[in-house]
């Protein structure tokens, strides 16, 4: 506490910080740059989620357009299947992000414990 405010104290603190940072870099295999979670980088995860959403909407629009051309119900098939594709895209994103369980899988109920 007596060295507080002296220039030598700042140099010592800087050396301690450099040593601590070097130790942390040695612990991480990639140096902390572009760290991956679960084997995927954040950019790859964002690309996957956005492509799943866009694919749901595109498939919905394509089915709606096809049904409108075959049945002559323009624009109702396109509108209905666009909304269904939008919902399917959101559901796919939530499943991929792990926010909801897969269809048909048994999710543990609140309060169920394996005692």
PDB file of N, CA and C in Angstrom:
ATOM      1  N   UNK A   1       0.816  -1.193   0.000  1.00  0.00           N
ATOM      2  CA  UNK A   1       0.000   0.000   0.000  1.00  0.00           C
ATOM      3  C   UNK A   1       0.862   1.261   0.000  1.00  0.00           C
ATOM      4  N   UNK A   2       2.085   1.147   0.531  1.00  0.00           N
ATOM      5  CA  UNK A   2       2.955   2.312   0.610  1.00  0.00           C
ATOM      6  C   UNK A   2       3.460   2.708  -0.771  1.00  0.00           C
ATOM      7  N   UNK A   3       3.509   1.770  -1.730  1.00  0.00           N
ATOM      8  CA  UNK A   3       4.015   2.068  -3.066  1.00  0.00           C
ATOM      9  C   UNK A   3       2.945   2.606  -3.987  1.00  0.00           C
ATOM     10  N   UNK A   4       1.731   2.709  -3.530  1.00  0.00           N
ATOM     11  CA  UNK A   4       0.647   3.178  -4.378  1.00  0.00           C
ATOM     12  C   UNK A   4       0.937   4.588  -4.869  1.00  0.00           C
ATOM     13  N   UNK A   5       0.814   4.809  -6.163  1.00  0.00           N
ATOM     14  CA  UNK A   5       1.036   6.118  -6.746  1.00  0.00           C
ATOM     15  C   UNK A   5       2.452   6.303  -7.268  1.00  0.00           C
ATOM     16  N   UNK A   6       3.369   5.395  -6.928  1.00  0.00           N
ATOM     17  CA  UNK A   6       4.741   5.506  -7.419  1.00  0.00           C
ATOM     18  C   UNK A   6       4.846   4.831  -8.776  1.00  0.00           C
ATOM     19  N   UNK A   7       5.714   5.341  -9.687  1.00  0.00           N
ATOM     20  CA  UNK A   7       5.855   4.758 -11.018  1.00  0.00           C
ATOM     21  C   UNK A   7       6.314   3.304 -10.996  1.00  0.00           C
ATOM     22  N   UNK A   8       7.137   2.908 -10.056  1.00  0.00           N
ATOM     23  CA  UNK A   8       7.614   1.531  -9.966  1.00  0.00           C
ATOM     24  C   UNK A   8       6.471   0.562  -9.707  1.00  0.00           C
ATOM     25  N   UNK A   9       5.486   0.984  -8.992  1.00  0.00           N
ATOM     26  CA  UNK A   9       4.339   0.143  -8.689  1.00  0.00           C
ATOM     27  C   UNK A   9       3.558  -0.181  -9.963  1.00  0.00           C
ATOM     28  N   UNK A  10       3.433   0.781 -10.849  1.00  0.00           N
ATOM     29  CA  UNK A  10       2.718   0.554 -12.100  1.00  0.00           C
ATOM     30  C   UNK A  10       3.462  -0.443 -12.985  1.00  0.00           C
ATOM     31  N   UNK A  11       4.768  -0.349 -13.006  1.00  0.00           N
ATOM     32  CA  UNK A  11       5.554  -1.300 -13.802  1.00  0.00           C
ATOM     33  C   UNK A  11       5.398  -2.717 -13.264  1.00  0.00           C
ATOM     34  N   UNK A  12       5.396  -2.862 -11.965  1.00  0.00           N
ATOM     35  CA  UNK A  12       5.216  -4.180 -11.360  1.00  0.00           C
ATOM     36  C   UNK A  12       3.842  -4.749 -11.651  1.00  0.00           C
ATOM     37  N   UNK A  13       2.829  -3.915 -11.575  1.00  0.00           N
ATOM     38  CA  UNK A  13       1.470  -4.361 -11.875  1.00  0.00           C
ATOM     39  C   UNK A  13       1.342  -4.770 -13.338  1.00  0.00           C
ATOM     40  N   UNK A  14       2.004  -4.011 -14.231  1.00  0.00           N
ATOM     41  CA  UNK A  14       1.963  -4.342 -15.648  1.00  0.00           C
ATOM     42  C   UNK A  14       2.636  -5.684 -15.917  1.00  0.00           C
ATOM     43  N   UNK A  15       3.775  -5.931 -15.261  1.00  0.00           N
ATOM     44  CA  UNK A  15       4.462  -7.211 -15.421  1.00  0.00           C
ATOM     45  C   UNK A  15       3.591  -8.363 -14.916  1.00  0.00           C
ATOM     46  N   UNK A  16       2.942  -8.159 -13.779  1.00  0.00           N
ATOM     47  CA  UNK A  16       2.044  -9.188 -13.245  1.00  0.00           C
ATOM     48  C   UNK A  16       0.889  -9.465 -14.207  1.00  0.00           C
ATOM     49  N   UNK A  17       0.349  -8.414 -14.797  1.00  0.00           N
ATOM     50  CA  UNK A  17      -0.744  -8.578 -15.756  1.00  0.00           C
ATOM     51  C   UNK A  17      -0.265  -9.308 -17.000  1.00  0.00           C
ATOM     52  N   UNK A  18       0.913  -8.942 -17.509  1.00  0.00           N
ATOM     53  CA  UNK A  18       1.468  -9.635 -18.677  1.00  0.00           C
ATOM     54  C   UNK A  18       1.693 -11.112 -18.386  1.00  0.00           C
ATOM     55  N   UNK A  19       2.165 -11.424 -17.194  1.00  0.00           N
ATOM     56  CA  UNK A  19       2.402 -12.825 -16.828  1.00  0.00           C
ATOM     57  C   UNK A  19       1.079 -13.587 -16.739  1.00  0.00           C
ATOM     58  N   UNK A  20       0.067 -12.951 -16.162  1.00  0.00           N
ATOM     59  CA  UNK A  20      -1.245 -13.607 -16.047  1.00  0.00           C
ATOM     60  C   UNK A  20      -1.858 -13.835 -17.432  1.00  0.00           C
ATOM     61  N   UNK A  21      -1.728 -12.867 -18.335  1.00  0.00           N
ATOM     62  CA  UNK A  21      -2.262 -13.020 -19.694  1.00  0.00           C
ATOM     63  C   UNK A  21      -1.520 -14.110 -20.455  1.00  0.00           C
ATOM     64  N   UNK A  22      -0.213 -14.167 -20.286  1.00  0.00           N
ATOM     65  CA  UNK A  22       0.564 -15.215 -20.955  1.00  0.00           C
ATOM     66  C   UNK A  22       0.156 -16.596 -20.448  1.00  0.00           C
ATOM     67  N   UNK A  23      -0.107 -16.714 -19.151  1.00  0.00           N
ATOM     68  CA  UNK A  23      -0.529 -18.000 -18.593  1.00  0.00           C
ATOM     69  C   UNK A  23      -1.883 -18.411 -19.161  1.00  0.00           C
ATOM     70  N   UNK A  24      -2.783 -17.468 -19.316  1.00  0.00           N
ATOM     71  CA  UNK A  24      -4.098 -17.778 -19.882  1.00  0.00           C
ATOM     72  C   UNK A  24      -4.003 -18.168 -21.345  1.00  0.00           C
ATOM     73  N   UNK A  25      -3.116 -17.528 -22.084  1.00  0.00           N
ATOM     74  CA  UNK A  25      -2.944 -17.875 -23.503  1.00  0.00           C
ATOM     75  C   UNK A  25      -2.408 -19.299 -23.645  1.00  0.00           C
ATOM     76  N   UNK A  26      -1.558 -19.710 -22.734  1.00  0.00           N
ATOM     77  CA  UNK A  26      -1.026 -21.071 -22.775  1.00  0.00           C
ATOM     78  C   UNK A  26      -2.117 -22.091 -22.471  1.00  0.00           C
ATOM     79  N   UNK A  27      -3.108 -21.724 -21.644  1.00  0.00           N
ATOM     80  CA  UNK A  27      -4.189 -22.645 -21.309  1.00  0.00           C
ATOM     81  C   UNK A  27      -5.105 -22.891 -22.491  1.00  0.00           C
ATOM     82  N   UNK A  28      -5.302 -21.888 -23.334  1.00  0.00           N
ATOM     83  CA  UNK A  28      -6.189 -22.013 -24.490  1.00  0.00           C
ATOM     84  C   UNK A  28      -5.382 -22.439 -25.704  1.00  0.00           C
ATOM     85  N   UNK A  29      -5.865 -23.462 -26.421  1.00  0.00           N
ATOM     86  CA  UNK A  29      -5.097 -23.944 -27.579  1.00  0.00           C
ATOM     87  C   UNK A  29      -5.020 -22.948 -28.723  1.00  0.00           C
ATOM     88  N   UNK A  30      -6.052 -22.108 -28.908  1.00  0.00           N
ATOM     89  CA  UNK A  30      -6.032 -21.175 -30.033  1.00  0.00           C
ATOM     90  C   UNK A  30      -5.785 -19.736 -29.580  1.00  0.00           C
ATOM     91  N   UNK A  31      -5.366 -19.533 -28.359  1.00  0.00           N
ATOM     92  CA  UNK A  31      -5.030 -18.193 -27.888  1.00  0.00           C
ATOM     93  C   UNK A  31      -6.231 -17.325 -27.619  1.00  0.00           C
ATOM     94  N   UNK A  32      -7.424 -17.883 -27.640  1.00  0.00           N
ATOM     95  CA  UNK A  32      -8.618 -17.103 -27.354  1.00  0.00           C
ATOM     96  C   UNK A  32      -9.173 -16.375 -28.556  1.00  0.00           C
ATOM     97  N   UNK A  33      -8.468 -16.386 -29.663  1.00  0.00           N
ATOM     98  CA  UNK A  33      -8.946 -15.713 -30.866  1.00  0.00           C
ATOM     99  C   UNK A  33      -9.972 -16.592 -31.559  1.00  0.00           C
ATOM    100  N   UNK A  34     -11.162 -16.085 -31.805  1.00  0.00           N
ATOM    101  CA  UNK A  34     -12.193 -16.843 -32.503  1.00  0.00           C
ATOM    102  C   UNK A  34     -12.550 -18.119 -31.754  1.00  0.00           C
ATOM    103  N   UNK A  35     -12.714 -17.991 -30.462  1.00  0.00           N
ATOM    104  CA  UNK A  35     -12.978 -19.176 -29.636  1.00  0.00           C
ATOM    105  C   UNK A  35     -14.226 -19.891 -30.122  1.00  0.00           C
ATOM    106  N   UNK A  36     -14.188 -21.209 -30.042  1.00  0.00           N
ATOM    107  CA  UNK A  36     -15.299 -22.013 -30.520  1.00  0.00           C
ATOM    108  C   UNK A  36     -16.053 -22.600 -29.352  1.00  0.00           C
ATOM    109  N   UNK A  37     -17.374 -22.703 -29.524  1.00  0.00           N
ATOM    110  CA  UNK A  37     -18.224 -23.319 -28.521  1.00  0.00           C
ATOM    111  C   UNK A  37     -18.836 -24.553 -29.130  1.00  0.00           C
ATOM    112  N   UNK A  38     -18.570 -25.676 -28.538  1.00  0.00           N
ATOM    113  CA  UNK A  38     -19.148 -26.903 -29.046  1.00  0.00           C
ATOM    114  C   UNK A  38     -18.666 -27.253 -30.436  1.00  0.00           C
ATOM    115  N   UNK A  39     -17.504 -26.782 -30.838  1.00  0.00           N
ATOM    116  CA  UNK A  39     -16.948 -27.133 -32.132  1.00  0.00           C
ATOM    117  C   UNK A  39     -17.348 -26.190 -33.251  1.00  0.00           C
ATOM    118  N   UNK A  40     -18.140 -25.194 -32.991  1.00  0.00           N
ATOM    119  CA  UNK A  40     -18.542 -24.253 -34.036  1.00  0.00           C
ATOM    120  C   UNK A  40     -18.264 -22.826 -33.578  1.00  0.00           C
ATOM    121  N   UNK A  41     -17.787 -22.022 -34.497  1.00  0.00           N
ATOM    122  CA  UNK A  41     -17.573 -20.627 -34.159  1.00  0.00           C
ATOM    123  C   UNK A  41     -18.915 -19.898 -34.176  1.00  0.00           C
ATOM    124  N   UNK A  42     -18.928 -18.716 -33.632  1.00  0.00           N
ATOM    125  CA  UNK A  42     -20.167 -17.940 -33.583  1.00  0.00           C
ATOM    126  C   UNK A  42     -20.659 -17.591 -34.990  1.00  0.00           C
ATOM    127  N   UNK A  43     -19.720 -17.298 -35.886  1.00  0.00           N
ATOM    128  CA  UNK A  43     -20.107 -16.964 -37.258  1.00  0.00           C
ATOM    129  C   UNK A  43     -20.758 -18.156 -37.952  1.00  0.00           C
ATOM    130  N   UNK A  44     -20.195 -19.337 -37.762  1.00  0.00           N
ATOM    131  CA  UNK A  44     -20.764 -20.542 -38.372  1.00  0.00           C
ATOM    132  C   UNK A  44     -22.149 -20.831 -37.813  1.00  0.00           C
ATOM    133  N   UNK A  45     -22.320 -20.611 -36.524  1.00  0.00           N
ATOM    134  CA  UNK A  45     -23.616 -20.835 -35.906  1.00  0.00           C
ATOM    135  C   UNK A  45     -24.654 -19.840 -36.440  1.00  0.00           C
ATOM    136  N   UNK A  46     -24.269 -18.584 -36.593  1.00  0.00           N
ATOM    137  CA  UNK A  46     -25.188 -17.579 -37.131  1.00  0.00           C
ATOM    138  C   UNK A  46     -25.557 -17.899 -38.580  1.00  0.00           C
ATOM    139  N   UNK A  47     -24.593 -18.353 -39.360  1.00  0.00           N
ATOM    140  CA  UNK A  47     -24.856 -18.718 -40.750  1.00  0.00           C
ATOM    141  C   UNK A  47     -25.812 -19.900 -40.829  1.00  0.00           C
ATOM    142  N   UNK A  48     -25.624 -20.875 -39.954  1.00  0.00           N
ATOM    143  CA  UNK A  48     -26.494 -22.045 -39.926  1.00  0.00           C
ATOM    144  C   UNK A  48     -27.929 -21.655 -39.559  1.00  0.00           C
ATOM    145  N   UNK A  49     -28.077 -20.825 -38.526  1.00  0.00           N
ATOM    146  CA  UNK A  49     -29.417 -20.430 -38.086  1.00  0.00           C
ATOM    147  C   UNK A  49     -30.131 -19.594 -39.138  1.00  0.00           C
ATOM    148  N   UNK A  50     -29.417 -18.670 -39.771  1.00  0.00           N
ATOM    149  CA  UNK A  50     -30.061 -17.837 -40.787  1.00  0.00           C
ATOM    150  C   UNK A  50     -30.429 -18.653 -42.019  1.00  0.00           C
ATOM    151  N   UNK A  51     -29.588 -19.611 -42.401  1.00  0.00           N
ATOM    152  CA  UNK A  51     -29.913 -20.426 -43.569  1.00  0.00           C
ATOM    153  C   UNK A  51     -31.108 -21.343 -43.288  1.00  0.00           C
ATOM    154  N   UNK A  52     -31.239 -21.816 -42.058  1.00  0.00           N
ATOM    155  CA  UNK A  52     -32.392 -22.652 -41.725  1.00  0.00           C
ATOM    156  C   UNK A  52     -33.677 -21.837 -41.802  1.00  0.00           C
ATOM    157  N   UNK A  53     -33.646 -20.599 -41.349  1.00  0.00           N
ATOM    158  CA  UNK A  53     -34.835 -19.748 -41.417  1.00  0.00           C
ATOM    159  C   UNK A  53     -35.180 -19.435 -42.866  1.00  0.00           C
ATOM    160  N   UNK A  54     -34.195 -19.036 -43.655  1.00  0.00           N
ATOM    161  CA  UNK A  54     -34.435 -18.674 -45.056  1.00  0.00           C
ATOM    162  C   UNK A  54     -34.936 -19.885 -45.842  1.00  0.00           C
ATOM    163  N   UNK A  55     -34.399 -21.066 -45.557  1.00  0.00           N
ATOM    164  CA  UNK A  55     -34.838 -22.273 -46.261  1.00  0.00           C
ATOM    165  C   UNK A  55     -36.313 -22.560 -45.985  1.00  0.00           C
ATOM    166  N   UNK A  56     -36.757 -22.377 -44.754  1.00  0.00           N
ATOM    167  CA  UNK A  56     -38.171 -22.592 -44.433  1.00  0.00           C
ATOM    168  C   UNK A  56     -39.077 -21.652 -45.204  1.00  0.00           C
ATOM    169  N   UNK A  57     -38.703 -20.386 -45.284  1.00  0.00           N
ATOM    170  CA  UNK A  57     -39.517 -19.400 -46.003  1.00  0.00           C
ATOM    171  C   UNK A  57     -39.510 -19.686 -47.501  1.00  0.00           C
ATOM    172  N   UNK A  58     -38.351 -20.005 -48.064  1.00  0.00           N
ATOM    173  CA  UNK A  58     -38.247 -20.267 -49.509  1.00  0.00           C
ATOM    174  C   UNK A  58     -39.063 -21.498 -49.896  1.00  0.00           C
ATOM    175  N   UNK A  59     -38.991 -22.553 -49.096  1.00  0.00           N
ATOM    176  CA  UNK A  59     -39.770 -23.756 -49.391  1.00  0.00           C
ATOM    177  C   UNK A  59     -41.263 -23.449 -49.300  1.00  0.00           C
ATOM    178  N   UNK A  60     -41.669 -22.675 -48.326  1.00  0.00           N
ATOM    179  CA  UNK A  60     -43.076 -22.293 -48.205  1.00  0.00           C
ATOM    180  C   UNK A  60     -43.566 -21.488 -49.403  1.00  0.00           C
ATOM    181  N   UNK A  61     -42.763 -20.542 -49.844  1.00  0.00           N
ATOM    182  CA  UNK A  61     -43.130 -19.732 -51.010  1.00  0.00           C
ATOM    183  C   UNK A  61     -43.198 -20.599 -52.265  1.00  0.00           C
ATOM    184  N   UNK A  62     -42.234 -21.491 -52.432  1.00  0.00           N
ATOM    185  CA  UNK A  62     -42.220 -22.352 -53.623  1.00  0.00           C
ATOM    186  C   UNK A  62     -43.443 -23.265 -53.652  1.00  0.00           C
ATOM    187  N   UNK A  63     -43.790 -23.857 -52.523  1.00  0.00           N
ATOM    188  CA  UNK A  63     -44.990 -24.707 -52.470  1.00  0.00           C
ATOM    189  C   UNK A  63     -46.256 -23.897 -52.735  1.00  0.00           C
ATOM    190  N   UNK A  64     -46.343 -22.727 -52.152  1.00  0.00           N
ATOM    191  CA  UNK A  64     -47.512 -21.869 -52.383  1.00  0.00           C
ATOM    192  C   UNK A  64     -47.645 -21.454 -53.829  1.00  0.00           C
ATOM    193  N   UNK A  65     -46.537 -21.083 -54.448  1.00  0.00           N
ATOM    194  CA  UNK A  65     -46.561 -20.683 -55.857  1.00  0.00           C
ATOM    195  C   UNK A  65     -46.983 -21.864 -56.730  1.00  0.00           C
ATOM    196  N   UNK A  66     -46.426 -23.049 -56.448  1.00  0.00           N
ATOM    197  CA  UNK A  66     -46.765 -24.245 -57.217  1.00  0.00           C
ATOM    198  C   UNK A  66     -48.250 -24.589 -57.077  1.00  0.00           C
ATOM    199  N   UNK A  67     -48.765 -24.523 -55.885  1.00  0.00           N
ATOM    200  CA  UNK A  67     -50.186 -24.827 -55.663  1.00  0.00           C
ATOM    201  C   UNK A  67     -51.062 -23.793 -56.360  1.00  0.00           C
ATOM    202  N   UNK A  68     -50.669 -22.527 -56.325  1.00  0.00           N
ATOM    203  CA  UNK A  68     -51.439 -21.490 -57.022  1.00  0.00           C
ATOM    204  C   UNK A  68     -51.466 -21.747 -58.529  1.00  0.00           C
ATOM    205  N   UNK A  69     -50.347 -22.165 -59.097  1.00  0.00           N
ATOM    206  CA  UNK A  69     -50.299 -22.424 -60.539  1.00  0.00           C
ATOM    207  C   UNK A  69     -51.144 -23.640 -60.908  1.00  0.00           C
ATOM    208  N   UNK A  70     -51.119 -24.678 -60.106  1.00  0.00           N
ATOM    209  CA  UNK A  70     -51.855 -25.909 -60.399  1.00  0.00           C
ATOM    210  C   UNK A  70     -53.348 -25.769 -60.127  1.00  0.00           C
ATOM    211  N   UNK A  71     -53.699 -25.099 -59.032  1.00  0.00           N
ATOM    212  CA  UNK A  71     -55.112 -25.014 -58.635  1.00  0.00           C
ATOM    213  C   UNK A  71     -55.785 -23.727 -59.085  1.00  0.00           C
ATOM    214  N   UNK A  72     -55.008 -22.744 -59.509  1.00  0.00           N
ATOM    215  CA  UNK A  72     -55.583 -21.469 -59.948  1.00  0.00           C
ATOM    216  C   UNK A  72     -56.161 -20.656 -58.804  1.00  0.00           C
ATOM    217  N   UNK A  73     -55.551 -20.746 -57.632  1.00  0.00           N
ATOM    218  CA  UNK A  73     -56.067 -20.044 -56.450  1.00  0.00           C
ATOM    219  C   UNK A  73     -55.256 -18.810 -56.105  1.00  0.00           C
ATOM    220  N   UNK A  74     -54.554 -18.255 -57.061  1.00  0.00           N
ATOM    221  CA  UNK A  74     -53.651 -17.140 -56.825  1.00  0.00           C
ATOM    222  C   UNK A  74     -54.359 -15.995 -56.117  1.00  0.00           C
ATOM    223  N   UNK A  75     -53.815 -15.372 -55.146  1.00  0.00           N
ATOM    224  CA  UNK A  75     -52.549 -15.478 -54.430  1.00  0.00           C
ATOM    225  C   UNK A  75     -52.673 -16.227 -53.103  1.00  0.00           C
ATOM    226  N   UNK A  76     -53.785 -16.927 -52.877  1.00  0.00           N
ATOM    227  CA  UNK A  76     -54.051 -17.493 -51.552  1.00  0.00           C
ATOM    228  C   UNK A  76     -53.098 -18.612 -51.164  1.00  0.00           C
ATOM    229  N   UNK A  77     -52.735 -19.460 -52.073  1.00  0.00           N
ATOM    230  CA  UNK A  77     -51.777 -20.516 -51.756  1.00  0.00           C
ATOM    231  C   UNK A  77     -50.431 -19.948 -51.361  1.00  0.00           C
ATOM    232  N   UNK A  78     -49.998 -18.907 -52.093  1.00  0.00           N
ATOM    233  CA  UNK A  78     -48.728 -18.263 -51.794  1.00  0.00           C
ATOM    234  C   UNK A  78     -48.754 -17.624 -50.410  1.00  0.00           C
ATOM    235  N   UNK A  79     -49.839 -16.952 -50.084  1.00  0.00           N
ATOM    236  CA  UNK A  79     -49.952 -16.288 -48.783  1.00  0.00           C
ATOM    237  C   UNK A  79     -49.948 -17.306 -47.647  1.00  0.00           C
ATOM    238  N   UNK A  80     -50.747 -18.356 -47.791  1.00  0.00           N
ATOM    239  CA  UNK A  80     -50.859 -19.354 -46.727  1.00  0.00           C
ATOM    240  C   UNK A  80     -49.532 -20.076 -46.529  1.00  0.00           C
ATOM    241  N   UNK A  81     -48.910 -20.498 -47.625  1.00  0.00           N
ATOM    242  CA  UNK A  81     -47.670 -21.248 -47.487  1.00  0.00           C
ATOM    243  C   UNK A  81     -46.486 -20.353 -47.123  1.00  0.00           C
ATOM    244  N   UNK A  82     -46.551 -19.067 -47.436  1.00  0.00           N
ATOM    245  CA  UNK A  82     -45.530 -18.144 -46.953  1.00  0.00           C
ATOM    246  C   UNK A  82     -45.587 -18.069 -45.433  1.00  0.00           C
ATOM    247  N   UNK A  83     -46.775 -17.966 -44.877  1.00  0.00           N
ATOM    248  CA  UNK A  83     -46.916 -17.926 -43.424  1.00  0.00           C
ATOM    249  C   UNK A  83     -46.505 -19.253 -42.785  1.00  0.00           C
ATOM    250  N   UNK A  84     -46.866 -20.364 -43.410  1.00  0.00           N
ATOM    251  CA  UNK A  84     -46.451 -21.668 -42.888  1.00  0.00           C
ATOM    252  C   UNK A  84     -44.923 -21.825 -42.951  1.00  0.00           C
ATOM    253  N   UNK A  85     -44.317 -21.371 -44.036  1.00  0.00           N
ATOM    254  CA  UNK A  85     -42.862 -21.432 -44.160  1.00  0.00           C
ATOM    255  C   UNK A  85     -42.168 -20.551 -43.141  1.00  0.00           C
ATOM    256  N   UNK A  86     -42.752 -19.381 -42.860  1.00  0.00           N
ATOM    257  CA  UNK A  86     -42.213 -18.488 -41.843  1.00  0.00           C
ATOM    258  C   UNK A  86     -42.236 -19.174 -40.478  1.00  0.00           C
ATOM    259  N   UNK A  87     -43.378 -19.798 -40.153  1.00  0.00           N
ATOM    260  CA  UNK A  87     -43.483 -20.523 -38.882  1.00  0.00           C
ATOM    261  C   UNK A  87     -42.523 -21.698 -38.810  1.00  0.00           C
ATOM    262  N   UNK A  88     -42.384 -22.435 -39.914  1.00  0.00           N
ATOM    263  CA  UNK A  88     -41.454 -23.567 -39.947  1.00  0.00           C
ATOM    264  C   UNK A  88     -40.013 -23.093 -39.799  1.00  0.00           C
ATOM    265  N   UNK A  89     -39.687 -21.958 -40.407  1.00  0.00           N
ATOM    266  CA  UNK A  89     -38.334 -21.415 -40.280  1.00  0.00           C
ATOM    267  C   UNK A  89     -38.014 -21.029 -38.845  1.00  0.00           C
ATOM    268  N   UNK A  90     -38.951 -20.399 -38.172  1.00  0.00           N
ATOM    269  CA  UNK A  90     -38.748 -20.030 -36.772  1.00  0.00           C
ATOM    270  C   UNK A  90     -38.597 -21.277 -35.911  1.00  0.00           C
ATOM    271  N   UNK A  91     -39.422 -22.289 -36.159  1.00  0.00           N
ATOM    272  CA  UNK A  91     -39.334 -23.536 -35.412  1.00  0.00           C
ATOM    273  C   UNK A  91     -37.981 -24.215 -35.631  1.00  0.00           C
ATOM    274  N   UNK A  92     -37.478 -24.218 -36.857  1.00  0.00           N
ATOM    275  CA  UNK A  92     -36.169 -24.803 -37.147  1.00  0.00           C
ATOM    276  C   UNK A  92     -35.046 -24.065 -36.421  1.00  0.00           C
ATOM    277  N   UNK A  93     -35.133 -22.740 -36.389  1.00  0.00           N
ATOM    278  CA  UNK A  93     -34.110 -21.955 -35.700  1.00  0.00           C
ATOM    279  C   UNK A  93     -34.136 -22.251 -34.202  1.00  0.00           C
ATOM    280  N   UNK A  94     -35.317 -22.320 -33.623  1.00  0.00           N
ATOM    281  CA  UNK A  94     -35.410 -22.611 -32.192  1.00  0.00           C
ATOM    282  C   UNK A  94     -34.901 -24.004 -31.870  1.00  0.00           C
ATOM    283  N   UNK A  95     -35.174 -24.975 -32.732  1.00  0.00           N
ATOM    284  CA  UNK A  95     -34.661 -26.330 -32.519  1.00  0.00           C
ATOM    285  C   UNK A  95     -33.139 -26.363 -32.631  1.00  0.00           C
ATOM    286  N   UNK A  96     -32.596 -25.693 -33.637  1.00  0.00           N
ATOM    287  CA  UNK A  96     -31.146 -25.696 -33.830  1.00  0.00           C
ATOM    288  C   UNK A  96     -30.426 -24.986 -32.694  1.00  0.00           C
ATOM    289  N   UNK A  97     -31.053 -23.944 -32.169  1.00  0.00           N
ATOM    290  CA  UNK A  97     -30.442 -23.202 -31.074  1.00  0.00           C
ATOM    291  C   UNK A  97     -30.584 -23.937 -29.750  1.00  0.00           C
ATOM    292  N   UNK A  98     -31.383 -24.999 -29.736  1.00  0.00           N
ATOM    293  CA  UNK A  98     -31.553 -25.782 -28.520  1.00  0.00           C
ATOM    294  C   UNK A  98     -32.521 -25.162 -27.533  1.00  0.00           C
ATOM    295  N   UNK A  99     -33.372 -24.263 -27.997  1.00  0.00           N
ATOM    296  CA  UNK A  99     -34.316 -23.608 -27.096  1.00  0.00           C
ATOM    297  C   UNK A  99     -35.586 -24.417 -26.893  1.00  0.00           C
ATOM    298  N   UNK A 100     -35.885 -25.336 -27.823  1.00  0.00           N
ATOM    299  CA  UNK A 100     -37.010 -26.238 -27.637  1.00  0.00           C
ATOM    300  C   UNK A 100     -36.560 -27.647 -27.993  1.00  0.00           C
ATOM    301  N   UNK A 101     -37.267 -28.625 -27.471  1.00  0.00           N
ATOM    302  CA  UNK A 101     -36.902 -30.017 -27.695  1.00  0.00           C
ATOM    303  C   UNK A 101     -37.357 -30.462 -29.077  1.00  0.00           C
ATOM    304  N   UNK A 102     -36.694 -31.484 -29.596  1.00  0.00           N
ATOM    305  CA  UNK A 102     -37.074 -32.072 -30.873  1.00  0.00           C
ATOM    306  C   UNK A 102     -38.453 -32.702 -30.756  1.00  0.00           C
ATOM    307  N   UNK A 103     -39.170 -32.760 -31.850  1.00  0.00           N
ATOM    308  CA  UNK A 103     -40.494 -33.361 -31.861  1.00  0.00           C
ATOM    309  C   UNK A 103     -40.393 -34.843 -31.535  1.00  0.00           C
ATOM    310  N   UNK A 104     -41.177 -35.296 -30.584  1.00  0.00           N
ATOM    311  CA  UNK A 104     -41.200 -36.701 -30.224  1.00  0.00           C
ATOM    312  C   UNK A 104     -40.191 -37.094 -29.166  1.00  0.00           C
ATOM    313  N   UNK A 105     -39.293 -36.196 -28.795  1.00  0.00           N
ATOM    314  CA  UNK A 105     -38.336 -36.554 -27.749  1.00  0.00           C
ATOM    315  C   UNK A 105     -38.954 -36.277 -26.396  1.00  0.00           C
ATOM    316  N   UNK A 106     -38.582 -37.089 -25.439  1.00  0.00           N
ATOM    317  CA  UNK A 106     -39.121 -36.915 -24.095  1.00  0.00           C
ATOM    318  C   UNK A 106     -38.276 -35.893 -23.368  1.00  0.00           C
ATOM    319  N   UNK A 107     -38.834 -34.738 -23.154  1.00  0.00           N
ATOM    320  CA  UNK A 107     -38.154 -33.711 -22.385  1.00  0.00           C
ATOM    321  C   UNK A 107     -38.524 -33.899 -20.916  1.00  0.00           C
ATOM    322  N   UNK A 108     -37.576 -33.734 -20.014  1.00  0.00           N
ATOM    323  CA  UNK A 108     -37.904 -33.897 -18.603  1.00  0.00           C
ATOM    324  C   UNK A 108     -38.878 -32.820 -18.145  1.00  0.00           C
ATOM    325  N   UNK A 109     -39.844 -33.234 -17.362  1.00  0.00           N
ATOM    326  CA  UNK A 109     -40.826 -32.293 -16.832  1.00  0.00           C
ATOM    327  C   UNK A 109     -40.252 -31.577 -15.629  1.00  0.00           C
ATOM    328  N   UNK A 110     -40.773 -30.402 -15.374  1.00  0.00           N
ATOM    329  CA  UNK A 110     -40.308 -29.624 -14.245  1.00  0.00           C
ATOM    330  C   UNK A 110     -40.636 -30.378 -12.953  1.00  0.00           C
ATOM    331  N   UNK A 111     -39.638 -30.571 -12.137  1.00  0.00           N
ATOM    332  CA  UNK A 111     -39.835 -31.252 -10.884  1.00  0.00           C
ATOM    333  C   UNK A 111     -39.503 -32.739 -10.937  1.00  0.00           C
ATOM    334  N   UNK A 112     -39.261 -33.284 -12.140  1.00  0.00           N
ATOM    335  CA  UNK A 112     -38.871 -34.689 -12.253  1.00  0.00           C
ATOM    336  C   UNK A 112     -37.389 -34.816 -11.958  1.00  0.00           C
ATOM    337  N   UNK A 113     -37.080 -35.559 -10.919  1.00  0.00           N
ATOM    338  CA  UNK A 113     -35.688 -35.808 -10.555  1.00  0.00           C
ATOM    339  C   UNK A 113     -35.448 -37.298 -10.500  1.00  0.00           C
ATOM    340  N   UNK A 114     -34.276 -37.706 -10.889  1.00  0.00           N
ATOM    341  CA  UNK A 114     -33.892 -39.109 -10.796  1.00  0.00           C
ATOM    342  C   UNK A 114     -33.311 -39.364  -9.414  1.00  0.00           C
ATOM    343  N   UNK A 115     -34.156 -39.602  -8.462  1.00  0.00           N
ATOM    344  CA  UNK A 115     -33.694 -39.848  -7.097  1.00  0.00           C
ATOM    345  C   UNK A 115     -33.476 -41.288  -6.845  1.00  0.00           C
TER     346      UNK A 115
END
